[in-house]
């Protein structure tokens, strides 16, 4: 049921995904203000999510350290401590992916991107959203519906008798991961549309570097 609900949210998001293209075709003040509101809202949500998720990093360190000390000093390994490290790692990766995209810190394989000017970067990110990011995330949303719903119906837990009974929560992170990436990708595509039409971008959250900065300006 939850998997279907998350999938429905993803499909309901589809009409908003065409706004950057519509603005390129019909640059109107209404579209510009709408895009600005969407960009600011998404950036703020993803930024707050990233700020919350980052506290899982020290918890991950503590869980791993506790497992190592228990095994090396007392000669015992607690399944819950061992599994908690996997839970914290999954939370950091799955829920932090969109915040990493917001900060522009994902690894890029395109060595030419860093040498492009502002307009060329905007064009690459706009095309990349519609050709790569959005289709893959929608495919993840579609394919994850079945096993996430089944996991919630059975409240799937660890295969170990004394493990953490929360595998259904881990599987729920998969559609959330796809949904948040679509959201942040839409914000980036909307910024790209503004840049391609020569309009100013909305301000980004404090401490987050700007998008589409010219390489020549970065070296100054």
N, C-alpha and C. Protein backbone atom coordinates (compact mmCIF):
# COMPACT_ATOMS: atom_id res chain seq x y z
N UNK A 1 0.83 -1.21 0.00
CA UNK A 1 0.00 0.00 0.00
C UNK A 1 0.87 1.26 0.00
N UNK A 2 1.91 1.25 0.87
CA UNK A 2 2.80 2.41 0.92
C UNK A 2 3.56 2.57 -0.39
N UNK A 3 4.01 1.42 -0.96
CA UNK A 3 4.71 1.49 -2.23
C UNK A 3 3.86 2.11 -3.30
N UNK A 4 2.57 1.74 -3.33
CA UNK A 4 1.66 2.33 -4.31
C UNK A 4 1.44 3.80 -4.07
N UNK A 5 1.39 4.21 -2.80
CA UNK A 5 1.21 5.63 -2.48
C UNK A 5 2.40 6.45 -2.95
N UNK A 6 3.62 5.93 -2.71
CA UNK A 6 4.82 6.65 -3.15
C UNK A 6 4.88 6.70 -4.67
N UNK A 7 4.48 5.62 -5.30
CA UNK A 7 4.45 5.62 -6.76
C UNK A 7 3.44 6.64 -7.29
N UNK A 8 2.28 6.73 -6.62
CA UNK A 8 1.25 7.69 -7.03
C UNK A 8 1.77 9.12 -6.90
N UNK A 9 2.54 9.37 -5.83
CA UNK A 9 3.12 10.70 -5.65
C UNK A 9 4.07 11.00 -6.81
N UNK A 10 4.86 9.99 -7.17
CA UNK A 10 5.79 10.18 -8.29
C UNK A 10 5.09 10.50 -9.59
N UNK A 11 4.00 9.78 -9.89
CA UNK A 11 3.26 10.04 -11.11
C UNK A 11 2.54 11.39 -11.04
N UNK A 12 2.06 11.76 -9.85
CA UNK A 12 1.40 13.06 -9.71
C UNK A 12 2.38 14.21 -9.95
N UNK A 13 3.67 13.91 -9.78
CA UNK A 13 4.71 14.91 -9.98
C UNK A 13 4.99 15.15 -11.46
N UNK A 14 4.53 14.23 -12.31
CA UNK A 14 4.85 14.31 -13.75
C UNK A 14 4.44 15.63 -14.41
N UNK A 15 3.22 16.17 -14.16
CA UNK A 15 2.87 17.43 -14.83
C UNK A 15 3.84 18.56 -14.55
N UNK A 16 4.44 18.58 -13.34
CA UNK A 16 5.40 19.64 -13.01
C UNK A 16 6.69 19.48 -13.80
N UNK A 17 6.98 18.26 -14.24
CA UNK A 17 8.24 17.99 -14.93
C UNK A 17 8.30 18.64 -16.30
N UNK A 18 7.17 18.99 -16.87
CA UNK A 18 7.18 19.61 -18.20
C UNK A 18 7.31 21.13 -18.12
N UNK A 19 7.27 21.70 -16.92
CA UNK A 19 7.32 23.15 -16.79
C UNK A 19 8.60 23.77 -17.37
N UNK A 20 9.80 23.18 -17.12
CA UNK A 20 10.99 23.78 -17.74
C UNK A 20 10.91 23.85 -19.26
N UNK A 21 10.38 22.80 -19.89
CA UNK A 21 10.24 22.80 -21.35
C UNK A 21 9.21 23.83 -21.80
N UNK A 22 8.10 23.90 -21.07
CA UNK A 22 7.08 24.89 -21.42
C UNK A 22 7.62 26.31 -21.30
N UNK A 23 8.47 26.54 -20.30
CA UNK A 23 9.03 27.88 -20.14
C UNK A 23 10.00 28.21 -21.28
N UNK A 24 10.73 27.19 -21.75
CA UNK A 24 11.61 27.43 -22.90
C UNK A 24 10.82 27.77 -24.15
N UNK A 25 9.67 27.11 -24.31
CA UNK A 25 8.84 27.34 -25.49
C UNK A 25 7.99 28.60 -25.37
N UNK A 26 7.49 28.85 -24.16
CA UNK A 26 6.61 30.00 -23.93
C UNK A 26 7.08 30.77 -22.69
N UNK A 27 8.14 31.56 -22.82
CA UNK A 27 8.69 32.29 -21.66
C UNK A 27 7.74 33.39 -21.18
N UNK A 28 6.93 33.06 -20.21
CA UNK A 28 5.97 34.00 -19.67
C UNK A 28 6.30 34.29 -18.21
N UNK A 29 5.87 35.44 -17.73
CA UNK A 29 6.11 35.80 -16.33
C UNK A 29 5.47 34.80 -15.38
N UNK A 30 4.31 34.26 -15.76
CA UNK A 30 3.63 33.29 -14.91
C UNK A 30 4.48 32.04 -14.73
N UNK A 31 5.03 31.55 -15.83
CA UNK A 31 5.90 30.38 -15.75
C UNK A 31 7.16 30.68 -14.94
N UNK A 32 7.70 31.89 -15.12
CA UNK A 32 8.93 32.25 -14.42
C UNK A 32 8.71 32.28 -12.91
N UNK A 33 7.62 32.87 -12.46
CA UNK A 33 7.34 32.92 -11.03
C UNK A 33 7.03 31.54 -10.48
N UNK A 34 6.34 30.71 -11.29
CA UNK A 34 6.04 29.34 -10.86
C UNK A 34 7.32 28.53 -10.72
N UNK A 35 8.20 28.65 -11.70
CA UNK A 35 9.47 27.94 -11.63
C UNK A 35 10.29 28.39 -10.43
N UNK A 36 10.30 29.69 -10.18
CA UNK A 36 11.04 30.20 -9.03
C UNK A 36 10.52 29.63 -7.72
N UNK A 37 9.21 29.55 -7.58
CA UNK A 37 8.62 28.99 -6.35
C UNK A 37 8.94 27.52 -6.20
N UNK A 38 8.87 26.78 -7.31
CA UNK A 38 9.18 25.34 -7.27
C UNK A 38 10.64 25.12 -6.90
N UNK A 39 11.53 25.88 -7.51
CA UNK A 39 12.96 25.73 -7.24
C UNK A 39 13.26 26.00 -5.77
N UNK A 40 12.77 27.11 -5.25
CA UNK A 40 13.05 27.46 -3.86
C UNK A 40 12.48 26.42 -2.90
N UNK A 41 11.26 25.94 -3.17
CA UNK A 41 10.63 24.97 -2.29
C UNK A 41 11.40 23.65 -2.28
N UNK A 42 11.74 23.15 -3.48
CA UNK A 42 12.46 21.89 -3.56
C UNK A 42 13.84 22.00 -2.93
N UNK A 43 14.56 23.06 -3.25
CA UNK A 43 15.90 23.23 -2.68
C UNK A 43 15.85 23.26 -1.16
N UNK A 44 14.84 23.93 -0.60
CA UNK A 44 14.74 24.02 0.86
C UNK A 44 14.43 22.66 1.47
N UNK A 45 13.49 21.92 0.86
CA UNK A 45 13.14 20.60 1.37
C UNK A 45 14.33 19.66 1.34
N UNK A 46 15.01 19.61 0.21
CA UNK A 46 16.15 18.70 0.07
C UNK A 46 17.30 19.14 0.97
N UNK A 47 17.49 20.44 1.11
CA UNK A 47 18.56 20.93 1.99
C UNK A 47 18.29 20.52 3.44
N UNK A 48 17.06 20.69 3.90
CA UNK A 48 16.71 20.31 5.27
C UNK A 48 16.84 18.80 5.46
N UNK A 49 16.45 18.04 4.43
CA UNK A 49 16.60 16.59 4.50
C UNK A 49 18.07 16.20 4.65
N UNK A 50 18.93 16.83 3.86
CA UNK A 50 20.36 16.55 3.94
C UNK A 50 20.95 16.93 5.29
N UNK A 51 20.50 18.08 5.84
CA UNK A 51 20.99 18.50 7.15
C UNK A 51 20.56 17.53 8.25
N UNK A 52 19.42 16.90 8.07
CA UNK A 52 18.95 15.92 9.05
C UNK A 52 19.69 14.60 8.91
N UNK A 53 19.85 14.16 7.66
CA UNK A 53 20.47 12.87 7.39
C UNK A 53 21.94 12.85 7.81
N UNK A 54 22.61 13.98 7.77
CA UNK A 54 24.05 13.99 8.07
C UNK A 54 24.35 13.54 9.50
N UNK A 55 23.36 13.61 10.39
CA UNK A 55 23.58 13.17 11.77
C UNK A 55 23.62 11.64 11.86
N UNK A 56 23.29 10.96 10.77
CA UNK A 56 23.44 9.50 10.75
C UNK A 56 24.91 9.10 10.63
N UNK A 57 25.76 10.02 10.16
CA UNK A 57 27.19 9.70 10.02
C UNK A 57 27.85 9.38 11.36
N UNK A 58 27.73 10.24 12.39
CA UNK A 58 28.32 9.86 13.68
C UNK A 58 27.68 8.62 14.27
N UNK A 59 26.38 8.42 14.04
CA UNK A 59 25.72 7.22 14.54
C UNK A 59 26.27 5.97 13.85
N UNK A 60 26.59 6.09 12.56
CA UNK A 60 27.20 4.98 11.84
C UNK A 60 28.57 4.65 12.43
N UNK A 61 29.36 5.67 12.72
CA UNK A 61 30.69 5.46 13.31
C UNK A 61 30.56 4.78 14.67
N UNK A 62 29.62 5.23 15.47
CA UNK A 62 29.43 4.66 16.81
C UNK A 62 29.01 3.19 16.72
N UNK A 63 28.09 2.88 15.80
CA UNK A 63 27.62 1.50 15.68
C UNK A 63 28.73 0.56 15.23
N UNK A 64 29.56 1.02 14.27
CA UNK A 64 30.67 0.20 13.80
C UNK A 64 31.71 0.03 14.90
N UNK A 65 32.03 1.14 15.60
CA UNK A 65 33.02 1.07 16.68
C UNK A 65 32.55 0.16 17.80
N UNK A 66 31.28 0.23 18.15
CA UNK A 66 30.74 -0.61 19.21
C UNK A 66 30.82 -2.09 18.83
N UNK A 67 30.53 -2.39 17.58
CA UNK A 67 30.61 -3.79 17.11
C UNK A 67 32.05 -4.30 17.16
N UNK A 68 33.00 -3.46 16.75
CA UNK A 68 34.41 -3.86 16.73
C UNK A 68 34.91 -4.07 18.16
N UNK A 69 34.60 -3.15 19.05
CA UNK A 69 35.05 -3.28 20.44
C UNK A 69 34.44 -4.50 21.11
N UNK A 70 33.16 -4.74 20.87
CA UNK A 70 32.50 -5.89 21.47
C UNK A 70 33.13 -7.20 20.99
N UNK A 71 33.49 -7.24 19.71
CA UNK A 71 34.07 -8.46 19.17
C UNK A 71 35.51 -8.66 19.61
N UNK A 72 36.29 -7.57 19.63
CA UNK A 72 37.72 -7.68 19.95
C UNK A 72 37.99 -7.80 21.45
N UNK A 73 37.16 -7.15 22.27
CA UNK A 73 37.41 -7.15 23.71
C UNK A 73 36.64 -8.27 24.42
N UNK A 74 35.37 -8.40 24.08
CA UNK A 74 34.53 -9.39 24.78
C UNK A 74 34.33 -10.67 23.98
N UNK A 75 34.76 -10.66 22.73
CA UNK A 75 34.64 -11.86 21.91
C UNK A 75 33.23 -12.18 21.49
N UNK A 76 32.35 -11.21 21.53
CA UNK A 76 30.95 -11.42 21.13
C UNK A 76 30.55 -10.37 20.09
N UNK A 77 29.63 -10.76 19.26
CA UNK A 77 29.13 -9.84 18.24
C UNK A 77 27.62 -9.74 18.37
N UNK A 78 27.12 -8.52 18.56
CA UNK A 78 25.69 -8.30 18.69
C UNK A 78 25.11 -8.06 17.31
N UNK A 79 24.13 -8.87 16.94
CA UNK A 79 23.54 -8.76 15.60
C UNK A 79 22.91 -7.40 15.38
N UNK A 80 22.25 -6.87 16.39
CA UNK A 80 21.58 -5.57 16.23
C UNK A 80 22.59 -4.46 15.96
N UNK A 81 23.75 -4.50 16.64
CA UNK A 81 24.77 -3.49 16.40
C UNK A 81 25.32 -3.61 14.98
N UNK A 82 25.56 -4.87 14.56
CA UNK A 82 26.08 -5.08 13.21
C UNK A 82 25.09 -4.60 12.15
N UNK A 83 23.81 -4.94 12.35
CA UNK A 83 22.80 -4.56 11.36
C UNK A 83 22.51 -3.07 11.38
N UNK A 84 22.66 -2.45 12.55
CA UNK A 84 22.39 -1.01 12.62
C UNK A 84 23.33 -0.21 11.73
N UNK A 85 24.56 -0.72 11.53
CA UNK A 85 25.49 -0.04 10.64
C UNK A 85 24.95 -0.03 9.21
N UNK A 86 24.34 -1.14 8.78
CA UNK A 86 23.75 -1.20 7.45
C UNK A 86 22.56 -0.23 7.33
N UNK A 87 21.80 -0.11 8.40
CA UNK A 87 20.66 0.80 8.38
C UNK A 87 21.11 2.25 8.25
N UNK A 88 22.10 2.63 9.04
CA UNK A 88 22.60 4.01 8.98
C UNK A 88 23.24 4.29 7.63
N UNK A 89 23.96 3.32 7.09
CA UNK A 89 24.58 3.50 5.78
C UNK A 89 23.52 3.68 4.70
N UNK A 90 22.46 2.88 4.77
CA UNK A 90 21.38 3.01 3.79
C UNK A 90 20.69 4.37 3.88
N UNK A 91 20.47 4.84 5.10
CA UNK A 91 19.84 6.14 5.30
C UNK A 91 20.71 7.25 4.69
N UNK A 92 22.01 7.19 4.94
CA UNK A 92 22.92 8.22 4.44
C UNK A 92 22.94 8.25 2.92
N UNK A 93 23.03 7.07 2.31
CA UNK A 93 23.15 7.00 0.85
C UNK A 93 21.83 7.33 0.17
N UNK A 94 20.76 6.69 0.61
CA UNK A 94 19.47 6.81 -0.09
C UNK A 94 18.81 8.17 0.13
N UNK A 95 18.86 8.67 1.36
CA UNK A 95 18.22 9.95 1.66
C UNK A 95 19.16 11.13 1.42
N UNK A 96 20.46 10.86 1.35
CA UNK A 96 21.41 11.94 1.12
C UNK A 96 21.76 12.16 -0.34
N UNK A 97 21.27 11.28 -1.22
CA UNK A 97 21.62 11.40 -2.65
C UNK A 97 21.12 12.70 -3.25
N UNK A 98 19.88 13.08 -2.94
CA UNK A 98 19.31 14.31 -3.50
C UNK A 98 20.04 15.54 -2.96
N UNK A 99 20.40 15.52 -1.68
CA UNK A 99 21.13 16.65 -1.10
C UNK A 99 22.52 16.77 -1.73
N UNK A 100 23.13 15.63 -2.04
CA UNK A 100 24.42 15.64 -2.74
C UNK A 100 24.27 16.22 -4.14
N UNK A 101 23.16 15.88 -4.80
CA UNK A 101 22.89 16.46 -6.12
C UNK A 101 22.66 17.96 -6.02
N UNK A 102 21.97 18.39 -4.98
CA UNK A 102 21.76 19.82 -4.73
C UNK A 102 23.08 20.56 -4.60
N UNK A 103 24.03 19.94 -3.90
CA UNK A 103 25.34 20.57 -3.69
C UNK A 103 26.27 20.39 -4.88
N UNK A 104 25.85 19.62 -5.90
CA UNK A 104 26.68 19.41 -7.06
C UNK A 104 27.91 18.57 -6.78
N UNK A 105 27.79 17.62 -5.82
CA UNK A 105 28.95 16.84 -5.40
C UNK A 105 28.95 15.40 -5.92
N UNK A 106 27.99 15.05 -6.79
CA UNK A 106 28.04 13.73 -7.40
C UNK A 106 29.21 13.65 -8.37
N UNK A 107 29.80 12.48 -8.50
CA UNK A 107 30.93 12.28 -9.40
C UNK A 107 30.44 12.36 -10.84
N UNK A 108 31.09 13.19 -11.65
CA UNK A 108 30.72 13.33 -13.06
C UNK A 108 31.76 12.60 -13.91
N UNK A 109 31.26 11.87 -14.90
CA UNK A 109 32.17 11.18 -15.82
C UNK A 109 32.45 12.02 -17.06
N UNK A 110 31.74 13.12 -17.22
CA UNK A 110 31.92 13.99 -18.37
C UNK A 110 33.04 15.00 -18.07
N UNK A 111 34.22 14.74 -18.63
CA UNK A 111 35.37 15.61 -18.35
C UNK A 111 35.23 16.95 -19.06
N UNK A 112 34.32 17.03 -20.03
CA UNK A 112 34.14 18.27 -20.77
C UNK A 112 33.26 19.27 -20.02
N UNK A 113 32.45 18.78 -19.07
CA UNK A 113 31.48 19.64 -18.40
C UNK A 113 32.16 20.80 -17.68
N UNK A 114 33.28 20.50 -17.00
CA UNK A 114 33.96 21.54 -16.24
C UNK A 114 34.55 22.63 -17.12
N UNK A 115 34.70 22.35 -18.40
CA UNK A 115 35.28 23.33 -19.32
C UNK A 115 34.22 24.12 -20.07
N UNK A 116 32.96 23.77 -19.84
CA UNK A 116 31.87 24.44 -20.56
C UNK A 116 31.52 25.77 -19.92
N UNK A 117 30.90 26.64 -20.73
CA UNK A 117 30.42 27.90 -20.17
C UNK A 117 29.06 27.69 -19.52
N UNK A 118 28.52 28.76 -18.99
CA UNK A 118 27.29 28.69 -18.20
C UNK A 118 26.11 28.13 -19.00
N UNK A 119 25.94 28.61 -20.22
CA UNK A 119 24.81 28.17 -21.05
C UNK A 119 24.96 26.70 -21.44
N UNK A 120 26.17 26.30 -21.79
CA UNK A 120 26.40 24.91 -22.19
C UNK A 120 26.13 23.96 -21.02
N UNK A 121 26.54 24.35 -19.82
CA UNK A 121 26.27 23.53 -18.63
C UNK A 121 24.77 23.40 -18.39
N UNK A 122 24.07 24.50 -18.55
CA UNK A 122 22.62 24.46 -18.35
C UNK A 122 21.97 23.54 -19.36
N UNK A 123 22.44 23.57 -20.60
CA UNK A 123 21.88 22.72 -21.64
C UNK A 123 22.13 21.24 -21.32
N UNK A 124 23.34 20.91 -20.86
CA UNK A 124 23.67 19.53 -20.52
C UNK A 124 22.80 19.02 -19.37
N UNK A 125 22.62 19.85 -18.33
CA UNK A 125 21.83 19.41 -17.17
C UNK A 125 20.35 19.29 -17.50
N UNK A 126 19.85 20.16 -18.37
CA UNK A 126 18.45 20.07 -18.77
C UNK A 126 18.20 18.78 -19.56
N UNK A 127 19.06 18.50 -20.53
CA UNK A 127 18.91 17.27 -21.32
C UNK A 127 19.14 16.04 -20.44
N UNK A 128 20.12 16.12 -19.56
CA UNK A 128 20.42 15.00 -18.69
C UNK A 128 19.26 14.63 -17.78
N UNK A 129 18.51 15.63 -17.34
CA UNK A 129 17.36 15.35 -16.48
C UNK A 129 16.30 14.55 -17.23
N UNK A 130 15.97 14.98 -18.44
CA UNK A 130 14.89 14.33 -19.19
C UNK A 130 15.32 13.01 -19.83
N UNK A 131 16.58 12.88 -20.19
CA UNK A 131 17.04 11.68 -20.90
C UNK A 131 17.53 10.60 -19.94
N UNK A 132 18.14 11.00 -18.82
CA UNK A 132 18.77 10.03 -17.92
C UNK A 132 18.11 9.96 -16.55
N UNK A 133 18.16 11.06 -15.80
CA UNK A 133 17.75 11.01 -14.40
C UNK A 133 16.27 10.67 -14.23
N UNK A 134 15.39 11.41 -14.89
CA UNK A 134 13.95 11.20 -14.71
C UNK A 134 13.50 9.80 -15.15
N UNK A 135 13.90 9.31 -16.33
CA UNK A 135 13.46 7.96 -16.72
C UNK A 135 13.92 6.87 -15.77
N UNK A 136 15.18 6.96 -15.30
CA UNK A 136 15.69 5.93 -14.38
C UNK A 136 14.93 5.97 -13.06
N UNK A 137 14.69 7.16 -12.53
CA UNK A 137 13.99 7.28 -11.25
C UNK A 137 12.53 6.83 -11.37
N UNK A 138 11.90 7.12 -12.48
CA UNK A 138 10.51 6.66 -12.68
C UNK A 138 10.48 5.14 -12.81
N UNK A 139 11.49 4.56 -13.42
CA UNK A 139 11.58 3.10 -13.52
C UNK A 139 11.75 2.48 -12.13
N UNK A 140 12.57 3.12 -11.29
CA UNK A 140 12.75 2.63 -9.92
C UNK A 140 11.43 2.71 -9.15
N UNK A 141 10.72 3.81 -9.29
CA UNK A 141 9.43 3.95 -8.62
C UNK A 141 8.47 2.86 -9.05
N UNK A 142 8.42 2.59 -10.34
CA UNK A 142 7.49 1.60 -10.87
C UNK A 142 7.83 0.19 -10.37
N UNK A 143 9.11 -0.17 -10.45
CA UNK A 143 9.52 -1.53 -10.12
C UNK A 143 9.57 -1.79 -8.61
N UNK A 144 9.69 -0.74 -7.81
CA UNK A 144 9.79 -0.94 -6.36
C UNK A 144 8.43 -1.07 -5.68
N UNK A 145 7.36 -0.77 -6.40
CA UNK A 145 6.04 -0.77 -5.78
C UNK A 145 5.69 -2.13 -5.18
N UNK A 146 5.93 -3.21 -5.95
CA UNK A 146 5.50 -4.53 -5.52
C UNK A 146 6.20 -5.01 -4.26
N UNK A 147 7.54 -4.97 -4.25
CA UNK A 147 8.23 -5.54 -3.09
C UNK A 147 8.17 -4.63 -1.87
N UNK A 148 8.00 -3.32 -2.07
CA UNK A 148 7.83 -2.45 -0.91
C UNK A 148 6.46 -2.70 -0.26
N UNK A 149 5.43 -2.84 -1.08
CA UNK A 149 4.10 -3.13 -0.55
C UNK A 149 4.08 -4.46 0.18
N UNK A 150 4.74 -5.48 -0.40
CA UNK A 150 4.80 -6.79 0.24
C UNK A 150 5.56 -6.71 1.56
N UNK A 151 6.65 -5.95 1.58
CA UNK A 151 7.43 -5.82 2.80
C UNK A 151 6.62 -5.20 3.92
N UNK A 152 5.76 -4.23 3.58
CA UNK A 152 4.92 -3.59 4.60
C UNK A 152 3.79 -4.51 5.05
N UNK A 153 3.27 -5.29 4.14
CA UNK A 153 2.19 -6.21 4.52
C UNK A 153 2.67 -7.26 5.51
N UNK A 154 3.91 -7.68 5.35
CA UNK A 154 4.46 -8.72 6.22
C UNK A 154 5.35 -8.15 7.33
N UNK A 155 5.54 -6.81 7.32
CA UNK A 155 6.47 -6.17 8.25
C UNK A 155 7.79 -6.94 8.27
N UNK A 156 8.36 -7.06 7.09
CA UNK A 156 9.57 -7.85 6.90
C UNK A 156 10.70 -7.38 7.82
N UNK A 157 11.35 -8.35 8.43
CA UNK A 157 12.46 -8.04 9.33
C UNK A 157 13.71 -8.81 8.97
N UNK A 158 14.64 -8.81 9.88
CA UNK A 158 15.92 -9.48 9.67
C UNK A 158 15.73 -10.99 9.57
N UNK A 159 16.63 -11.64 8.83
CA UNK A 159 16.61 -13.09 8.76
C UNK A 159 17.15 -13.71 10.05
N UNK A 160 17.83 -12.92 10.85
CA UNK A 160 18.32 -13.37 12.15
C UNK A 160 17.22 -13.22 13.18
N UNK A 161 17.11 -14.18 14.07
CA UNK A 161 16.04 -14.16 15.07
C UNK A 161 16.15 -12.98 16.02
N UNK A 162 17.38 -12.54 16.32
CA UNK A 162 17.58 -11.41 17.21
C UNK A 162 18.04 -10.16 16.48
N UNK A 163 17.72 -10.09 15.16
CA UNK A 163 18.10 -8.92 14.37
C UNK A 163 17.05 -7.82 14.44
N UNK A 164 17.28 -6.77 13.68
CA UNK A 164 16.37 -5.62 13.65
C UNK A 164 15.18 -5.94 12.76
N UNK A 165 14.00 -5.74 13.27
CA UNK A 165 12.77 -6.05 12.52
C UNK A 165 12.32 -4.83 11.72
N UNK A 166 13.21 -4.37 10.82
CA UNK A 166 12.88 -3.16 10.08
C UNK A 166 13.30 -3.18 8.63
N UNK A 167 13.38 -4.35 8.03
CA UNK A 167 13.75 -4.43 6.62
C UNK A 167 12.72 -3.73 5.75
N UNK A 168 11.47 -3.73 6.17
CA UNK A 168 10.43 -3.04 5.40
C UNK A 168 10.70 -1.54 5.34
N UNK A 169 11.31 -1.00 6.38
CA UNK A 169 11.67 0.41 6.36
C UNK A 169 12.85 0.68 5.42
N UNK A 170 13.80 -0.25 5.40
CA UNK A 170 14.93 -0.10 4.48
C UNK A 170 14.45 -0.11 3.03
N UNK A 171 13.54 -1.01 2.70
CA UNK A 171 13.05 -1.09 1.33
C UNK A 171 12.25 0.15 0.95
N UNK A 172 11.63 0.79 1.93
CA UNK A 172 10.88 2.02 1.66
C UNK A 172 11.79 3.15 1.22
N UNK A 173 13.06 3.06 1.61
CA UNK A 173 14.01 4.10 1.22
C UNK A 173 14.23 4.14 -0.30
N UNK A 174 13.98 3.03 -0.98
CA UNK A 174 14.25 2.96 -2.42
C UNK A 174 13.34 3.90 -3.21
N UNK A 175 11.99 3.82 -3.06
CA UNK A 175 11.15 4.78 -3.78
C UNK A 175 11.34 6.22 -3.29
N UNK A 176 11.63 6.39 -2.00
CA UNK A 176 11.89 7.74 -1.50
C UNK A 176 13.14 8.32 -2.15
N UNK A 177 14.16 7.48 -2.31
CA UNK A 177 15.39 7.87 -3.01
C UNK A 177 15.07 8.37 -4.42
N UNK A 178 14.26 7.60 -5.15
CA UNK A 178 13.92 7.98 -6.52
C UNK A 178 13.09 9.26 -6.56
N UNK A 179 12.15 9.38 -5.63
CA UNK A 179 11.28 10.55 -5.61
C UNK A 179 12.05 11.83 -5.30
N UNK A 180 12.94 11.78 -4.33
CA UNK A 180 13.71 12.98 -3.97
C UNK A 180 14.69 13.36 -5.08
N UNK A 181 15.23 12.37 -5.79
CA UNK A 181 16.11 12.69 -6.92
C UNK A 181 15.34 13.35 -8.05
N UNK A 182 14.12 12.87 -8.30
CA UNK A 182 13.30 13.52 -9.33
C UNK A 182 13.02 14.97 -8.95
N UNK A 183 12.69 15.19 -7.69
CA UNK A 183 12.41 16.55 -7.21
C UNK A 183 13.61 17.46 -7.43
N UNK A 184 14.79 17.02 -6.97
CA UNK A 184 15.96 17.87 -7.09
C UNK A 184 16.38 18.02 -8.54
N UNK A 185 16.21 16.97 -9.33
CA UNK A 185 16.50 17.07 -10.76
C UNK A 185 15.61 18.08 -11.44
N UNK A 186 14.34 18.13 -11.04
CA UNK A 186 13.42 19.12 -11.60
C UNK A 186 13.86 20.53 -11.25
N UNK A 187 14.33 20.73 -10.02
CA UNK A 187 14.81 22.05 -9.62
C UNK A 187 16.00 22.47 -10.47
N UNK A 188 16.91 21.54 -10.73
CA UNK A 188 18.08 21.86 -11.55
C UNK A 188 17.67 22.13 -12.99
N UNK A 189 16.75 21.32 -13.52
CA UNK A 189 16.27 21.54 -14.89
C UNK A 189 15.56 22.88 -15.01
N UNK A 190 14.83 23.27 -13.98
CA UNK A 190 14.14 24.56 -13.99
C UNK A 190 15.15 25.70 -13.98
N UNK A 191 16.20 25.56 -13.18
CA UNK A 191 17.25 26.57 -13.19
C UNK A 191 17.89 26.66 -14.57
N UNK A 192 18.10 25.50 -15.19
CA UNK A 192 18.71 25.48 -16.52
C UNK A 192 17.83 26.22 -17.53
N UNK A 193 16.52 26.03 -17.43
CA UNK A 193 15.60 26.72 -18.34
C UNK A 193 15.68 28.23 -18.16
N UNK A 194 15.80 28.67 -16.91
CA UNK A 194 15.93 30.10 -16.65
C UNK A 194 17.23 30.65 -17.25
N UNK A 195 18.31 29.89 -17.08
CA UNK A 195 19.60 30.32 -17.61
C UNK A 195 19.55 30.40 -19.13
N UNK A 196 18.95 29.40 -19.78
CA UNK A 196 18.89 29.37 -21.24
C UNK A 196 18.04 30.51 -21.81
N UNK A 197 17.11 31.01 -21.00
CA UNK A 197 16.29 32.15 -21.43
C UNK A 197 16.88 33.49 -20.95
N UNK A 198 18.05 33.42 -20.33
CA UNK A 198 18.71 34.64 -19.90
C UNK A 198 18.12 35.27 -18.66
N UNK A 199 17.41 34.50 -17.85
CA UNK A 199 16.80 35.03 -16.63
C UNK A 199 17.65 34.70 -15.41
N UNK A 200 17.45 35.45 -14.35
CA UNK A 200 18.19 35.23 -13.12
C UNK A 200 17.63 34.02 -12.38
N UNK A 201 18.53 33.29 -11.71
CA UNK A 201 18.12 32.13 -10.91
C UNK A 201 17.75 32.56 -9.50
N UNK A 202 16.85 31.82 -8.86
CA UNK A 202 16.57 32.07 -7.44
C UNK A 202 17.80 31.77 -6.59
N UNK A 203 17.90 32.40 -5.45
CA UNK A 203 19.02 32.15 -4.55
C UNK A 203 18.96 30.72 -4.03
N UNK A 204 20.13 30.15 -3.77
CA UNK A 204 20.21 28.81 -3.24
C UNK A 204 20.35 28.83 -1.73
N UNK A 205 20.09 27.71 -1.05
CA UNK A 205 20.24 27.70 0.41
C UNK A 205 21.63 28.12 0.84
N UNK A 206 21.72 28.68 2.01
CA UNK A 206 22.99 29.20 2.51
C UNK A 206 24.04 28.10 2.58
N UNK A 207 25.22 28.40 2.05
CA UNK A 207 26.31 27.44 2.09
C UNK A 207 26.36 26.49 0.91
N UNK A 208 25.36 26.54 0.03
CA UNK A 208 25.33 25.67 -1.15
C UNK A 208 25.88 26.45 -2.34
N UNK A 209 26.90 25.92 -3.04
CA UNK A 209 27.50 26.66 -4.16
C UNK A 209 26.53 26.84 -5.31
N UNK A 210 26.69 27.88 -6.12
CA UNK A 210 25.77 28.13 -7.24
C UNK A 210 25.96 27.14 -8.37
N UNK A 211 24.91 26.96 -9.17
CA UNK A 211 25.00 26.14 -10.36
C UNK A 211 25.41 27.01 -11.56
N UNK A 212 25.88 26.33 -12.61
CA UNK A 212 26.11 26.94 -13.92
C UNK A 212 27.03 28.14 -13.85
N UNK A 213 28.07 28.06 -12.97
CA UNK A 213 29.07 29.12 -12.92
C UNK A 213 30.09 28.88 -14.03
N UNK A 214 30.44 29.94 -14.74
CA UNK A 214 31.43 29.81 -15.80
C UNK A 214 32.76 29.34 -15.23
N UNK A 215 33.44 28.45 -15.96
CA UNK A 215 34.75 27.96 -15.51
C UNK A 215 35.74 29.09 -15.37
N UNK A 216 35.64 30.08 -16.26
CA UNK A 216 36.59 31.20 -16.19
C UNK A 216 36.40 32.00 -14.92
N UNK A 217 35.14 32.13 -14.47
CA UNK A 217 34.88 32.89 -13.26
C UNK A 217 35.32 32.10 -12.04
N UNK A 218 35.29 30.76 -12.10
CA UNK A 218 35.67 29.95 -10.96
C UNK A 218 37.15 30.06 -10.65
N UNK A 219 37.94 30.37 -11.67
CA UNK A 219 39.39 30.44 -11.47
C UNK A 219 39.84 31.82 -11.01
N UNK A 220 38.95 32.78 -10.98
CA UNK A 220 39.33 34.13 -10.59
C UNK A 220 39.45 34.24 -9.08
